[in-house]
């Protein structure tokens, strides 16, 4: 599902600037987000996949550091 960046930010409790940072550093235009005119739309399904993968990587790093 596609959702406007501003609504996505308010629904998830993060700043729009945080989302912009994710877009610049981690997301792929045309996969995680789309720009239609002057509106940025976030693909919520792709976000879910990205956040799950990020969490798994974080858990793996933590596990390696503890050993």
C-alpha atoms as a PDB file:
ATOM      1  CA  UNK A   1       0.000   0.000   0.000  1.00  0.00           C
ATOM      2  CA  UNK A   2       1.273   3.466  -0.823  1.00  0.00           C
ATOM      3  CA  UNK A   3       0.905   6.221   1.765  1.00  0.00           C
ATOM      4  CA  UNK A   4       1.902   9.887   1.762  1.00  0.00           C
ATOM      5  CA  UNK A   5       5.232  10.577   3.495  1.00  0.00           C
ATOM      6  CA  UNK A   6       3.679  13.045   5.976  1.00  0.00           C
ATOM      7  CA  UNK A   7       0.938  10.603   6.992  1.00  0.00           C
ATOM      8  CA  UNK A   8       3.484   7.782   7.203  1.00  0.00           C
ATOM      9  CA  UNK A   9       5.615   9.902   9.556  1.00  0.00           C
ATOM     10  CA  UNK A  10       2.699  10.739  11.841  1.00  0.00           C
ATOM     11  CA  UNK A  11       1.368   7.145  11.803  1.00  0.00           C
ATOM     12  CA  UNK A  12       4.780   5.729  12.764  1.00  0.00           C
ATOM     13  CA  UNK A  13       5.777   8.476  15.194  1.00  0.00           C
ATOM     14  CA  UNK A  14       8.939   9.549  13.376  1.00  0.00           C
ATOM     15  CA  UNK A  15      10.007  12.897  11.965  1.00  0.00           C
ATOM     16  CA  UNK A  16       9.756  13.524   8.230  1.00  0.00           C
ATOM     17  CA  UNK A  17      13.483  14.356   8.322  1.00  0.00           C
ATOM     18  CA  UNK A  18      14.203  10.858   9.661  1.00  0.00           C
ATOM     19  CA  UNK A  19      12.303   9.365   6.745  1.00  0.00           C
ATOM     20  CA  UNK A  20      14.257  11.599   4.366  1.00  0.00           C
ATOM     21  CA  UNK A  21      17.478  10.235   5.872  1.00  0.00           C
ATOM     22  CA  UNK A  22      16.300   6.661   5.359  1.00  0.00           C
ATOM     23  CA  UNK A  23      15.391   7.538   1.776  1.00  0.00           C
ATOM     24  CA  UNK A  24      18.864   8.962   1.099  1.00  0.00           C
ATOM     25  CA  UNK A  25      20.875   6.240   2.856  1.00  0.00           C
ATOM     26  CA  UNK A  26      18.880   3.013   2.734  1.00  0.00           C
ATOM     27  CA  UNK A  27      15.880   3.072   0.405  1.00  0.00           C
ATOM     28  CA  UNK A  28      15.603   2.687  -3.347  1.00  0.00           C
ATOM     29  CA  UNK A  29      13.397   5.056  -5.332  1.00  0.00           C
ATOM     30  CA  UNK A  30      10.828   3.003  -7.220  1.00  0.00           C
ATOM     31  CA  UNK A  31      10.926   0.253  -4.606  1.00  0.00           C
ATOM     32  CA  UNK A  32      10.583   1.732  -1.124  1.00  0.00           C
ATOM     33  CA  UNK A  33       9.154   5.088  -2.212  1.00  0.00           C
ATOM     34  CA  UNK A  34       7.798   6.907  -5.249  1.00  0.00           C
ATOM     35  CA  UNK A  35       7.683  10.578  -6.131  1.00  0.00           C
ATOM     36  CA  UNK A  36       4.486  11.593  -7.890  1.00  0.00           C
ATOM     37  CA  UNK A  37       4.566  15.265  -8.781  1.00  0.00           C
ATOM     38  CA  UNK A  38       5.547  16.924  -5.496  1.00  0.00           C
ATOM     39  CA  UNK A  39       4.242  14.121  -3.303  1.00  0.00           C
ATOM     40  CA  UNK A  40       6.410  11.345  -1.901  1.00  0.00           C
ATOM     41  CA  UNK A  41       4.572   8.074  -1.402  1.00  0.00           C
ATOM     42  CA  UNK A  42       5.995   5.348   0.841  1.00  0.00           C
ATOM     43  CA  UNK A  43       5.392   1.676   0.019  1.00  0.00           C
ATOM     44  CA  UNK A  44       4.387   0.272   3.417  1.00  0.00           C
ATOM     45  CA  UNK A  45       4.982  -3.353   2.435  1.00  0.00           C
ATOM     46  CA  UNK A  46       8.555  -2.583   1.334  1.00  0.00           C
ATOM     47  CA  UNK A  47       9.086  -0.601   4.548  1.00  0.00           C
ATOM     48  CA  UNK A  48       7.987  -3.633   6.588  1.00  0.00           C
ATOM     49  CA  UNK A  49      10.476  -5.868   4.743  1.00  0.00           C
ATOM     50  CA  UNK A  50      13.260  -3.301   5.168  1.00  0.00           C
ATOM     51  CA  UNK A  51      12.650  -2.788   8.890  1.00  0.00           C
ATOM     52  CA  UNK A  52      12.509  -6.556   9.538  1.00  0.00           C
ATOM     53  CA  UNK A  53      15.783  -7.078   7.668  1.00  0.00           C
ATOM     54  CA  UNK A  54      17.372  -4.155   9.521  1.00  0.00           C
ATOM     55  CA  UNK A  55      16.297  -5.641  12.850  1.00  0.00           C
ATOM     56  CA  UNK A  56      17.707  -9.054  11.931  1.00  0.00           C
ATOM     57  CA  UNK A  57      21.042  -7.471  10.966  1.00  0.00           C
ATOM     58  CA  UNK A  58      21.084  -5.531  14.237  1.00  0.00           C
ATOM     59  CA  UNK A  59      20.339  -8.692  16.226  1.00  0.00           C
ATOM     60  CA  UNK A  60      23.144 -10.547  14.399  1.00  0.00           C
ATOM     61  CA  UNK A  61      25.669  -7.769  15.105  1.00  0.00           C
ATOM     62  CA  UNK A  62      24.631  -7.726  18.775  1.00  0.00           C
ATOM     63  CA  UNK A  63      24.990 -11.516  18.990  1.00  0.00           C
ATOM     64  CA  UNK A  64      28.482 -11.384  17.444  1.00  0.00           C
ATOM     65  CA  UNK A  65      29.591  -8.578  19.768  1.00  0.00           C
ATOM     66  CA  UNK A  66      28.429 -10.489  22.843  1.00  0.00           C
ATOM     67  CA  UNK A  67      30.442 -13.600  21.946  1.00  0.00           C
END
